């Protein structure tokens, strides 16, 4: 892993210590967003079965938006005087989650797994929003804007998993595999 040198400058009105701390928070989000973009593209390529084209095409705008979010994070890190790390090694080294566990699977199974993926990314984005709120309102605003889009995309995923009573087929799942199984067995779900 590349060792980050201590920043020698940051944005006006912020200490280099605070700038480095905010940049570290944003680096964690950069890792998560890069990972999410790759995961969404992986699902895009590997989804099969009923509703294939709807899910396949739903994911492309999400991928584009998540890539733009990653770019926004990287540019803010650079503005804060730090170096954004966007290499595969940085993602692997910096992440606290495992790799996406599904390969070729039905739309419902992938959507079930993506429900958990989005839950994790959004939960950690909310923590980043709290962390940046006092030190840097500009970075906080960036994270809040990303949360708005991520939560919208999560709703798109969950709309496929929701029953008429308002429950989710993935309720109680704690792993991508268990969420995929639950979503694949939901009433009305068809497996390929």
N, C-alpha and C. Protein backbone atom coordinates (compact mmCIF):
# COMPACT_ATOMS: atom_id res chain seq x y z
N UNK A 1 0.85 -1.19 0.00
CA UNK A 1 0.00 0.00 0.00
C UNK A 1 0.88 1.24 0.00
N UNK A 2 0.43 2.22 -0.72
CA UNK A 2 1.15 3.48 -0.80
C UNK A 2 1.02 4.20 0.54
N UNK A 3 2.13 4.70 1.05
CA UNK A 3 2.10 5.47 2.29
C UNK A 3 1.79 6.92 1.95
N UNK A 4 0.77 7.44 2.58
CA UNK A 4 0.36 8.82 2.35
C UNK A 4 1.29 9.77 3.09
N UNK A 5 1.92 10.70 2.38
CA UNK A 5 2.68 11.73 3.11
C UNK A 5 1.71 12.67 3.80
N UNK A 6 2.15 13.26 4.88
CA UNK A 6 1.30 14.23 5.58
C UNK A 6 1.10 15.43 4.65
N UNK A 7 -0.13 15.90 4.54
CA UNK A 7 -0.35 17.06 3.67
C UNK A 7 0.36 18.29 4.21
N UNK A 8 0.86 19.11 3.29
CA UNK A 8 1.57 20.33 3.67
C UNK A 8 0.68 21.55 3.57
N UNK A 9 -0.54 21.35 3.03
CA UNK A 9 -1.50 22.45 2.92
C UNK A 9 -2.89 21.84 2.91
N UNK A 10 -3.86 22.69 3.10
CA UNK A 10 -5.26 22.29 2.95
C UNK A 10 -6.04 23.53 2.51
N UNK A 11 -7.34 23.44 2.54
CA UNK A 11 -8.15 24.59 2.12
C UNK A 11 -8.03 25.71 3.15
N UNK A 12 -8.18 26.95 2.72
CA UNK A 12 -8.11 28.08 3.66
C UNK A 12 -9.15 27.95 4.77
N UNK A 13 -8.72 28.30 5.98
CA UNK A 13 -9.62 28.29 7.13
C UNK A 13 -9.68 26.96 7.85
N UNK A 14 -8.91 25.97 7.41
CA UNK A 14 -8.91 24.65 8.04
C UNK A 14 -7.46 24.28 8.36
N UNK A 15 -7.26 23.66 9.49
CA UNK A 15 -5.91 23.21 9.84
C UNK A 15 -5.53 22.01 8.97
N UNK A 16 -4.23 21.81 8.76
CA UNK A 16 -3.80 20.65 7.98
C UNK A 16 -4.18 19.35 8.68
N UNK A 17 -4.23 19.37 9.99
CA UNK A 17 -4.65 18.18 10.75
C UNK A 17 -6.11 17.84 10.44
N UNK A 18 -6.98 18.85 10.49
CA UNK A 18 -8.40 18.61 10.16
C UNK A 18 -8.56 18.23 8.70
N UNK A 19 -7.80 18.88 7.81
CA UNK A 19 -7.86 18.56 6.39
C UNK A 19 -7.47 17.11 6.14
N UNK A 20 -6.44 16.65 6.82
CA UNK A 20 -5.99 15.26 6.66
C UNK A 20 -7.04 14.29 7.21
N UNK A 21 -7.68 14.65 8.31
CA UNK A 21 -8.71 13.77 8.89
C UNK A 21 -9.92 13.67 7.96
N UNK A 22 -10.35 14.79 7.41
CA UNK A 22 -11.48 14.77 6.48
C UNK A 22 -11.09 14.00 5.22
N UNK A 23 -9.88 14.21 4.73
CA UNK A 23 -9.41 13.47 3.54
C UNK A 23 -9.41 11.97 3.80
N UNK A 24 -9.03 11.56 5.00
CA UNK A 24 -9.03 10.12 5.34
C UNK A 24 -10.46 9.57 5.32
N UNK A 25 -11.40 10.35 5.83
CA UNK A 25 -12.81 9.94 5.79
C UNK A 25 -13.28 9.81 4.35
N UNK A 26 -12.92 10.79 3.53
CA UNK A 26 -13.31 10.75 2.12
C UNK A 26 -12.61 9.63 1.35
N UNK A 27 -11.38 9.29 1.75
CA UNK A 27 -10.68 8.17 1.11
C UNK A 27 -11.44 6.87 1.36
N UNK A 28 -11.96 6.71 2.56
CA UNK A 28 -12.78 5.53 2.86
C UNK A 28 -14.01 5.50 1.95
N UNK A 29 -14.64 6.65 1.74
CA UNK A 29 -15.80 6.72 0.85
C UNK A 29 -15.40 6.49 -0.61
N UNK A 30 -14.21 6.99 -0.99
CA UNK A 30 -13.71 6.75 -2.34
C UNK A 30 -13.53 5.25 -2.57
N UNK A 31 -12.95 4.56 -1.60
CA UNK A 31 -12.80 3.10 -1.71
C UNK A 31 -14.17 2.43 -1.88
N UNK A 32 -15.12 2.84 -1.07
CA UNK A 32 -16.45 2.23 -1.12
C UNK A 32 -17.14 2.52 -2.45
N UNK A 33 -17.02 3.73 -2.95
CA UNK A 33 -17.68 4.09 -4.21
C UNK A 33 -17.04 3.38 -5.40
N UNK A 34 -15.71 3.30 -5.41
CA UNK A 34 -15.04 2.54 -6.48
C UNK A 34 -15.47 1.08 -6.44
N UNK A 35 -15.53 0.51 -5.26
CA UNK A 35 -15.97 -0.87 -5.10
C UNK A 35 -17.42 -1.03 -5.55
N UNK A 36 -18.28 -0.10 -5.17
CA UNK A 36 -19.69 -0.16 -5.55
C UNK A 36 -19.85 -0.08 -7.07
N UNK A 37 -19.11 0.81 -7.72
CA UNK A 37 -19.21 0.93 -9.18
C UNK A 37 -18.81 -0.38 -9.85
N UNK A 38 -17.75 -0.99 -9.37
CA UNK A 38 -17.31 -2.27 -9.93
C UNK A 38 -18.33 -3.37 -9.66
N UNK A 39 -18.89 -3.39 -8.47
CA UNK A 39 -19.89 -4.39 -8.11
C UNK A 39 -21.14 -4.25 -8.97
N UNK A 40 -21.61 -3.02 -9.15
CA UNK A 40 -22.78 -2.79 -9.99
C UNK A 40 -22.54 -3.24 -11.42
N UNK A 41 -21.33 -2.98 -11.94
CA UNK A 41 -21.02 -3.40 -13.31
C UNK A 41 -20.96 -4.93 -13.37
N UNK A 42 -20.42 -5.56 -12.34
CA UNK A 42 -20.37 -7.02 -12.26
C UNK A 42 -21.79 -7.59 -12.30
N UNK A 43 -22.69 -7.02 -11.53
CA UNK A 43 -24.09 -7.47 -11.53
C UNK A 43 -24.69 -7.25 -12.92
N UNK A 44 -24.45 -6.09 -13.50
CA UNK A 44 -24.95 -5.75 -14.84
C UNK A 44 -24.58 -6.86 -15.85
N UNK A 45 -23.38 -7.40 -15.73
CA UNK A 45 -22.90 -8.43 -16.66
C UNK A 45 -23.42 -9.82 -16.31
N UNK A 46 -23.79 -10.06 -15.06
CA UNK A 46 -24.08 -11.42 -14.59
C UNK A 46 -25.53 -11.69 -14.22
N UNK A 47 -26.40 -10.70 -14.37
CA UNK A 47 -27.80 -10.89 -14.01
C UNK A 47 -28.50 -11.65 -15.14
N UNK A 48 -29.39 -12.57 -14.76
CA UNK A 48 -30.13 -13.38 -15.73
C UNK A 48 -31.57 -13.55 -15.27
N UNK A 49 -32.39 -14.07 -16.16
CA UNK A 49 -33.75 -14.45 -15.80
C UNK A 49 -34.78 -13.38 -16.09
N UNK A 50 -36.00 -13.61 -15.57
CA UNK A 50 -37.08 -12.64 -15.78
C UNK A 50 -36.65 -11.25 -15.29
N UNK A 51 -37.09 -10.27 -15.98
CA UNK A 51 -36.76 -8.87 -15.67
C UNK A 51 -35.30 -8.53 -15.95
N UNK A 52 -34.61 -9.40 -16.70
CA UNK A 52 -33.20 -9.17 -17.02
C UNK A 52 -32.98 -7.77 -17.58
N UNK A 53 -33.67 -7.43 -18.66
CA UNK A 53 -33.37 -6.17 -19.34
C UNK A 53 -33.68 -4.97 -18.46
N UNK A 54 -34.72 -5.05 -17.66
CA UNK A 54 -35.06 -3.94 -16.77
C UNK A 54 -33.95 -3.70 -15.75
N UNK A 55 -33.46 -4.76 -15.14
CA UNK A 55 -32.39 -4.62 -14.13
C UNK A 55 -31.08 -4.26 -14.81
N UNK A 56 -30.76 -4.92 -15.90
CA UNK A 56 -29.53 -4.66 -16.66
C UNK A 56 -29.45 -3.17 -17.01
N UNK A 57 -30.53 -2.62 -17.54
CA UNK A 57 -30.53 -1.22 -17.94
C UNK A 57 -30.69 -0.25 -16.77
N UNK A 58 -31.30 -0.68 -15.69
CA UNK A 58 -31.43 0.17 -14.50
C UNK A 58 -30.05 0.46 -13.89
N UNK A 59 -29.14 -0.50 -14.03
CA UNK A 59 -27.85 -0.37 -13.36
C UNK A 59 -26.89 0.61 -14.05
N UNK A 60 -26.97 0.76 -15.37
CA UNK A 60 -26.02 1.64 -16.06
C UNK A 60 -26.02 3.08 -15.54
N UNK A 61 -27.18 3.73 -15.36
CA UNK A 61 -27.14 5.10 -14.82
C UNK A 61 -26.60 5.13 -13.38
N UNK A 62 -26.86 4.08 -12.62
CA UNK A 62 -26.32 4.02 -11.26
C UNK A 62 -24.79 3.94 -11.31
N UNK A 63 -24.27 3.11 -12.20
CA UNK A 63 -22.82 2.98 -12.35
C UNK A 63 -22.20 4.32 -12.71
N UNK A 64 -22.78 4.99 -13.70
CA UNK A 64 -22.26 6.30 -14.11
C UNK A 64 -22.28 7.30 -12.96
N UNK A 65 -23.37 7.33 -12.21
CA UNK A 65 -23.48 8.28 -11.10
C UNK A 65 -22.49 7.95 -9.98
N UNK A 66 -22.32 6.67 -9.68
CA UNK A 66 -21.39 6.28 -8.61
C UNK A 66 -19.95 6.59 -9.03
N UNK A 67 -19.63 6.40 -10.30
CA UNK A 67 -18.29 6.77 -10.78
C UNK A 67 -18.07 8.28 -10.64
N UNK A 68 -19.10 9.07 -10.93
CA UNK A 68 -19.00 10.53 -10.76
C UNK A 68 -18.82 10.89 -9.29
N UNK A 69 -19.50 10.16 -8.40
CA UNK A 69 -19.33 10.40 -6.96
C UNK A 69 -17.89 10.12 -6.54
N UNK A 70 -17.32 9.03 -7.05
CA UNK A 70 -15.93 8.68 -6.73
C UNK A 70 -14.99 9.80 -7.19
N UNK A 71 -15.22 10.30 -8.40
CA UNK A 71 -14.40 11.39 -8.92
C UNK A 71 -14.52 12.63 -8.04
N UNK A 72 -15.74 12.92 -7.60
CA UNK A 72 -15.99 14.07 -6.72
C UNK A 72 -15.23 13.91 -5.40
N UNK A 73 -15.25 12.72 -4.83
CA UNK A 73 -14.51 12.46 -3.58
C UNK A 73 -13.01 12.64 -3.80
N UNK A 74 -12.50 12.07 -4.90
CA UNK A 74 -11.06 12.15 -5.17
C UNK A 74 -10.62 13.60 -5.34
N UNK A 75 -11.41 14.39 -6.05
CA UNK A 75 -11.04 15.78 -6.26
C UNK A 75 -11.11 16.59 -4.97
N UNK A 76 -12.06 16.24 -4.09
CA UNK A 76 -12.11 16.93 -2.79
C UNK A 76 -10.91 16.56 -1.95
N UNK A 77 -10.50 15.29 -1.98
CA UNK A 77 -9.31 14.86 -1.23
C UNK A 77 -8.09 15.67 -1.71
N UNK A 78 -7.96 15.81 -3.03
CA UNK A 78 -6.84 16.58 -3.57
C UNK A 78 -6.93 18.05 -3.15
N UNK A 79 -8.15 18.60 -3.14
CA UNK A 79 -8.35 19.99 -2.71
C UNK A 79 -7.93 20.19 -1.26
N UNK A 80 -8.08 19.13 -0.46
CA UNK A 80 -7.71 19.20 0.96
C UNK A 80 -6.20 19.01 1.17
N UNK A 81 -5.45 18.81 0.07
CA UNK A 81 -3.99 18.70 0.17
C UNK A 81 -3.48 17.29 0.29
N UNK A 82 -4.35 16.31 0.20
CA UNK A 82 -3.94 14.90 0.28
C UNK A 82 -3.97 14.29 -1.12
N UNK A 83 -3.47 13.08 -1.21
CA UNK A 83 -3.46 12.36 -2.48
C UNK A 83 -4.54 11.29 -2.48
N UNK A 84 -5.52 11.38 -3.38
CA UNK A 84 -6.54 10.33 -3.46
C UNK A 84 -5.92 9.05 -4.03
N UNK A 85 -6.27 7.93 -3.44
CA UNK A 85 -5.77 6.64 -3.89
C UNK A 85 -6.90 5.89 -4.57
N UNK A 86 -6.75 5.62 -5.86
CA UNK A 86 -7.80 4.96 -6.61
C UNK A 86 -7.38 3.65 -7.22
N UNK A 87 -6.33 3.04 -6.70
CA UNK A 87 -5.86 1.78 -7.25
C UNK A 87 -6.65 0.60 -6.67
N UNK A 88 -6.66 -0.53 -7.39
CA UNK A 88 -7.33 -1.72 -6.83
C UNK A 88 -6.77 -2.10 -5.46
N UNK A 89 -5.46 -1.98 -5.31
CA UNK A 89 -4.84 -2.30 -4.02
C UNK A 89 -5.34 -1.41 -2.89
N UNK A 90 -5.56 -0.13 -3.20
CA UNK A 90 -6.07 0.80 -2.18
C UNK A 90 -7.47 0.40 -1.75
N UNK A 91 -8.28 -0.03 -2.72
CA UNK A 91 -9.65 -0.47 -2.38
C UNK A 91 -9.58 -1.68 -1.46
N UNK A 92 -8.80 -2.67 -1.84
CA UNK A 92 -8.72 -3.91 -1.06
C UNK A 92 -8.14 -3.65 0.32
N UNK A 93 -7.05 -2.88 0.35
CA UNK A 93 -6.38 -2.58 1.62
C UNK A 93 -7.26 -1.76 2.56
N UNK A 94 -8.04 -0.84 1.99
CA UNK A 94 -8.81 0.09 2.81
C UNK A 94 -10.21 -0.35 3.18
N UNK A 95 -10.68 -1.43 2.60
CA UNK A 95 -12.08 -1.79 2.86
C UNK A 95 -12.22 -2.67 4.09
N UNK A 96 -13.39 -2.56 4.71
CA UNK A 96 -13.71 -3.35 5.90
C UNK A 96 -14.78 -4.39 5.58
N UNK A 97 -15.07 -4.61 4.31
CA UNK A 97 -16.10 -5.54 3.86
C UNK A 97 -15.46 -6.54 2.91
N UNK A 98 -16.13 -7.65 2.72
CA UNK A 98 -15.64 -8.67 1.80
C UNK A 98 -16.04 -8.37 0.37
N UNK A 99 -15.52 -9.18 -0.55
CA UNK A 99 -15.84 -9.04 -1.95
C UNK A 99 -17.27 -9.49 -2.21
N UNK A 100 -17.89 -8.97 -3.24
CA UNK A 100 -19.24 -9.36 -3.63
C UNK A 100 -19.26 -10.85 -3.92
N UNK A 101 -20.27 -11.55 -3.41
CA UNK A 101 -20.22 -13.01 -3.39
C UNK A 101 -21.01 -13.73 -4.47
N UNK A 102 -21.76 -13.04 -5.31
CA UNK A 102 -22.56 -13.70 -6.34
C UNK A 102 -21.90 -13.57 -7.71
N UNK A 103 -22.09 -14.58 -8.53
CA UNK A 103 -21.64 -14.51 -9.91
C UNK A 103 -22.90 -14.49 -10.77
N UNK A 104 -23.11 -15.47 -11.61
CA UNK A 104 -24.30 -15.53 -12.46
C UNK A 104 -25.48 -15.92 -11.58
N UNK A 105 -26.48 -15.04 -11.52
CA UNK A 105 -27.65 -15.27 -10.66
C UNK A 105 -28.85 -14.52 -11.22
N UNK A 106 -30.02 -14.86 -10.71
CA UNK A 106 -31.24 -14.24 -11.19
C UNK A 106 -31.32 -12.78 -10.75
N UNK A 107 -32.21 -12.07 -11.41
CA UNK A 107 -32.41 -10.67 -11.07
C UNK A 107 -32.75 -10.53 -9.59
N UNK A 108 -33.66 -11.34 -9.09
CA UNK A 108 -34.08 -11.24 -7.68
C UNK A 108 -32.93 -11.54 -6.74
N UNK A 109 -32.12 -12.53 -7.06
CA UNK A 109 -30.99 -12.87 -6.19
C UNK A 109 -29.98 -11.72 -6.15
N UNK A 110 -29.64 -11.17 -7.31
CA UNK A 110 -28.69 -10.04 -7.32
C UNK A 110 -29.29 -8.82 -6.62
N UNK A 111 -30.56 -8.55 -6.85
CA UNK A 111 -31.18 -7.39 -6.19
C UNK A 111 -31.20 -7.58 -4.68
N UNK A 112 -31.44 -8.82 -4.21
CA UNK A 112 -31.39 -9.10 -2.78
C UNK A 112 -30.02 -8.82 -2.21
N UNK A 113 -28.98 -9.28 -2.91
CA UNK A 113 -27.61 -9.03 -2.46
C UNK A 113 -27.28 -7.54 -2.51
N UNK A 114 -27.72 -6.85 -3.58
CA UNK A 114 -27.45 -5.41 -3.70
C UNK A 114 -28.15 -4.61 -2.61
N UNK A 115 -29.28 -5.12 -2.10
CA UNK A 115 -29.94 -4.45 -0.97
C UNK A 115 -28.97 -4.33 0.20
N UNK A 116 -28.25 -5.40 0.49
CA UNK A 116 -27.28 -5.35 1.58
C UNK A 116 -26.07 -4.49 1.24
N UNK A 117 -25.62 -4.55 -0.01
CA UNK A 117 -24.49 -3.72 -0.43
C UNK A 117 -24.82 -2.24 -0.24
N UNK A 118 -25.98 -1.83 -0.76
CA UNK A 118 -26.38 -0.42 -0.61
C UNK A 118 -26.58 -0.05 0.85
N UNK A 119 -27.13 -0.94 1.64
CA UNK A 119 -27.30 -0.66 3.07
C UNK A 119 -25.96 -0.34 3.72
N UNK A 120 -24.95 -1.15 3.40
CA UNK A 120 -23.61 -0.91 3.96
C UNK A 120 -23.01 0.40 3.52
N UNK A 121 -23.08 0.70 2.23
CA UNK A 121 -22.50 1.94 1.70
C UNK A 121 -23.22 3.15 2.30
N UNK A 122 -24.52 3.10 2.35
CA UNK A 122 -25.29 4.24 2.88
C UNK A 122 -25.04 4.43 4.37
N UNK A 123 -25.01 3.34 5.12
CA UNK A 123 -24.73 3.44 6.56
C UNK A 123 -23.37 4.11 6.79
N UNK A 124 -22.36 3.69 6.04
CA UNK A 124 -21.03 4.28 6.21
C UNK A 124 -20.97 5.72 5.68
N UNK A 125 -21.74 6.04 4.65
CA UNK A 125 -21.81 7.42 4.18
C UNK A 125 -22.44 8.32 5.26
N UNK A 126 -23.43 7.80 5.95
CA UNK A 126 -24.05 8.59 7.03
C UNK A 126 -23.04 8.85 8.16
N UNK A 127 -22.21 7.86 8.46
CA UNK A 127 -21.15 8.07 9.46
C UNK A 127 -20.17 9.12 8.98
N UNK A 128 -19.83 9.09 7.69
CA UNK A 128 -18.92 10.09 7.13
C UNK A 128 -19.53 11.49 7.21
N UNK A 129 -20.83 11.57 6.99
CA UNK A 129 -21.51 12.87 7.09
C UNK A 129 -21.37 13.41 8.51
N UNK A 130 -21.56 12.56 9.50
CA UNK A 130 -21.41 12.99 10.89
C UNK A 130 -19.97 13.42 11.18
N UNK A 131 -19.02 12.67 10.68
CA UNK A 131 -17.60 12.95 10.92
C UNK A 131 -17.17 14.27 10.30
N UNK A 132 -17.69 14.58 9.13
CA UNK A 132 -17.27 15.80 8.43
C UNK A 132 -18.07 17.03 8.83
N UNK A 133 -19.18 16.86 9.54
CA UNK A 133 -20.11 17.97 9.78
C UNK A 133 -19.47 19.16 10.49
N UNK A 134 -18.65 18.92 11.47
CA UNK A 134 -18.05 20.05 12.21
C UNK A 134 -16.77 20.54 11.55
N UNK A 135 -15.96 19.63 11.05
CA UNK A 135 -14.65 20.01 10.52
C UNK A 135 -14.73 20.67 9.15
N UNK A 136 -15.67 20.22 8.31
CA UNK A 136 -15.68 20.71 6.94
C UNK A 136 -17.07 20.63 6.32
N UNK A 137 -17.86 21.71 6.42
CA UNK A 137 -19.21 21.68 5.85
C UNK A 137 -19.23 21.46 4.34
N UNK A 138 -18.16 21.80 3.64
CA UNK A 138 -18.13 21.58 2.19
C UNK A 138 -18.09 20.08 1.90
N UNK A 139 -17.23 19.35 2.59
CA UNK A 139 -17.18 17.89 2.43
C UNK A 139 -18.47 17.25 2.93
N UNK A 140 -19.03 17.80 4.00
CA UNK A 140 -20.31 17.28 4.49
C UNK A 140 -21.38 17.44 3.42
N UNK A 141 -21.41 18.58 2.76
CA UNK A 141 -22.38 18.82 1.70
C UNK A 141 -22.19 17.82 0.55
N UNK A 142 -20.95 17.55 0.21
CA UNK A 142 -20.64 16.57 -0.83
C UNK A 142 -21.23 15.21 -0.46
N UNK A 143 -20.99 14.78 0.77
CA UNK A 143 -21.48 13.48 1.25
C UNK A 143 -23.01 13.46 1.28
N UNK A 144 -23.63 14.55 1.72
CA UNK A 144 -25.09 14.61 1.78
C UNK A 144 -25.68 14.48 0.37
N UNK A 145 -25.10 15.17 -0.61
CA UNK A 145 -25.57 15.06 -1.98
C UNK A 145 -25.44 13.64 -2.51
N UNK A 146 -24.36 12.97 -2.16
CA UNK A 146 -24.18 11.58 -2.57
C UNK A 146 -25.19 10.68 -1.87
N UNK A 147 -25.43 10.93 -0.62
CA UNK A 147 -26.44 10.14 0.11
C UNK A 147 -27.80 10.23 -0.56
N UNK A 148 -28.16 11.41 -1.00
CA UNK A 148 -29.45 11.60 -1.67
C UNK A 148 -29.56 10.66 -2.86
N UNK A 149 -28.52 10.60 -3.69
CA UNK A 149 -28.54 9.73 -4.87
C UNK A 149 -28.47 8.26 -4.49
N UNK A 150 -27.61 7.92 -3.53
CA UNK A 150 -27.47 6.52 -3.12
C UNK A 150 -28.78 5.98 -2.55
N UNK A 151 -29.46 6.80 -1.75
CA UNK A 151 -30.73 6.36 -1.18
C UNK A 151 -31.81 6.21 -2.26
N UNK A 152 -31.77 7.03 -3.28
CA UNK A 152 -32.69 6.89 -4.40
C UNK A 152 -32.43 5.56 -5.13
N UNK A 153 -31.16 5.28 -5.40
CA UNK A 153 -30.81 4.04 -6.08
C UNK A 153 -31.20 2.83 -5.23
N UNK A 154 -31.03 2.94 -3.92
CA UNK A 154 -31.41 1.86 -3.01
C UNK A 154 -32.92 1.61 -3.08
N UNK A 155 -33.67 2.68 -3.17
CA UNK A 155 -35.13 2.55 -3.31
C UNK A 155 -35.46 1.80 -4.60
N UNK A 156 -34.75 2.13 -5.70
CA UNK A 156 -34.99 1.42 -6.96
C UNK A 156 -34.77 -0.09 -6.78
N UNK A 157 -33.73 -0.45 -6.06
CA UNK A 157 -33.43 -1.87 -5.80
C UNK A 157 -34.53 -2.47 -4.93
N UNK A 158 -34.85 -1.78 -3.84
CA UNK A 158 -35.83 -2.32 -2.89
C UNK A 158 -37.24 -2.41 -3.47
N UNK A 159 -37.58 -1.59 -4.44
CA UNK A 159 -38.91 -1.66 -5.05
C UNK A 159 -39.15 -3.03 -5.68
N UNK A 160 -38.09 -3.69 -6.10
CA UNK A 160 -38.18 -5.04 -6.67
C UNK A 160 -38.31 -6.11 -5.58
N UNK A 161 -37.99 -5.76 -4.36
CA UNK A 161 -37.95 -6.72 -3.26
C UNK A 161 -39.11 -6.56 -2.28
N UNK A 162 -39.89 -5.51 -2.47
CA UNK A 162 -40.98 -5.18 -1.54
C UNK A 162 -42.26 -5.94 -1.89
N UNK A 163 -42.95 -6.42 -0.85
CA UNK A 163 -44.25 -7.05 -1.09
C UNK A 163 -45.36 -6.01 -0.89
N UNK A 164 -46.59 -6.39 -1.19
CA UNK A 164 -47.69 -5.43 -1.11
C UNK A 164 -47.96 -4.97 0.32
N UNK A 165 -47.48 -5.72 1.29
CA UNK A 165 -47.64 -5.31 2.69
C UNK A 165 -46.55 -4.38 3.17
N UNK A 166 -45.60 -4.07 2.30
CA UNK A 166 -44.53 -3.14 2.68
C UNK A 166 -43.29 -3.82 3.24
N UNK A 167 -43.27 -5.14 3.30
CA UNK A 167 -42.09 -5.84 3.80
C UNK A 167 -41.10 -6.13 2.68
N UNK A 168 -39.86 -6.34 3.07
CA UNK A 168 -38.82 -6.68 2.11
C UNK A 168 -38.52 -8.17 2.16
N UNK A 169 -38.32 -8.78 1.01
CA UNK A 169 -38.00 -10.21 0.98
C UNK A 169 -36.65 -10.48 1.63
N UNK A 170 -35.83 -9.50 1.78
CA UNK A 170 -34.50 -9.66 2.37
C UNK A 170 -34.47 -9.43 3.88
N UNK A 171 -35.63 -9.17 4.47
CA UNK A 171 -35.70 -8.92 5.91
C UNK A 171 -34.95 -9.98 6.71
N UNK A 172 -34.08 -9.53 7.59
CA UNK A 172 -33.36 -10.43 8.48
C UNK A 172 -32.09 -11.02 7.88
N UNK A 173 -31.83 -10.79 6.61
CA UNK A 173 -30.62 -11.32 5.98
C UNK A 173 -29.40 -10.54 6.46
N UNK A 174 -28.33 -11.26 6.72
CA UNK A 174 -27.12 -10.59 7.20
C UNK A 174 -25.94 -10.76 6.26
N UNK A 175 -26.10 -11.58 5.22
CA UNK A 175 -25.05 -11.74 4.22
C UNK A 175 -25.67 -11.60 2.84
N UNK A 176 -24.84 -11.30 1.86
CA UNK A 176 -25.33 -11.19 0.50
C UNK A 176 -25.96 -12.51 0.04
N UNK A 177 -25.32 -13.61 0.41
CA UNK A 177 -25.82 -14.93 0.01
C UNK A 177 -27.19 -15.21 0.61
N UNK A 178 -27.36 -14.90 1.90
CA UNK A 178 -28.66 -15.14 2.53
C UNK A 178 -29.72 -14.20 1.97
N UNK A 179 -29.34 -12.96 1.67
CA UNK A 179 -30.29 -12.01 1.07
C UNK A 179 -30.69 -12.49 -0.32
N UNK A 180 -29.74 -13.01 -1.07
CA UNK A 180 -30.03 -13.52 -2.41
C UNK A 180 -30.99 -14.71 -2.34
N UNK A 181 -30.74 -15.60 -1.40
CA UNK A 181 -31.62 -16.77 -1.25
C UNK A 181 -33.03 -16.34 -0.87
N UNK A 182 -33.14 -15.44 0.09
CA UNK A 182 -34.46 -14.97 0.52
C UNK A 182 -35.19 -14.27 -0.62
N UNK A 183 -34.50 -13.43 -1.36
CA UNK A 183 -35.12 -12.71 -2.46
C UNK A 183 -35.52 -13.67 -3.58
N UNK A 184 -34.72 -14.68 -3.81
CA UNK A 184 -35.01 -15.67 -4.85
C UNK A 184 -36.16 -16.58 -4.52
N UNK A 185 -36.45 -16.72 -3.22
CA UNK A 185 -37.56 -17.58 -2.79
C UNK A 185 -38.84 -16.81 -2.49
N UNK A 186 -38.78 -15.50 -2.63
CA UNK A 186 -39.95 -14.67 -2.32
C UNK A 186 -41.11 -15.04 -3.24
N UNK A 187 -42.34 -14.94 -2.72
CA UNK A 187 -43.50 -15.20 -3.57
C UNK A 187 -43.45 -14.33 -4.82
N UNK A 188 -43.66 -14.93 -5.96
CA UNK A 188 -43.64 -14.19 -7.20
C UNK A 188 -42.27 -14.13 -7.85
N UNK A 189 -41.20 -14.47 -7.10
CA UNK A 189 -39.86 -14.49 -7.67
C UNK A 189 -39.69 -15.76 -8.47
N UNK A 190 -39.10 -15.62 -9.63
CA UNK A 190 -38.87 -16.79 -10.47
C UNK A 190 -37.37 -17.00 -10.59
N UNK A 191 -36.94 -18.23 -10.52
CA UNK A 191 -35.52 -18.52 -10.69
C UNK A 191 -35.27 -19.05 -12.09
N UNK A 192 -34.12 -18.72 -12.61
CA UNK A 192 -33.80 -19.16 -13.99
C UNK A 192 -33.32 -20.59 -13.98
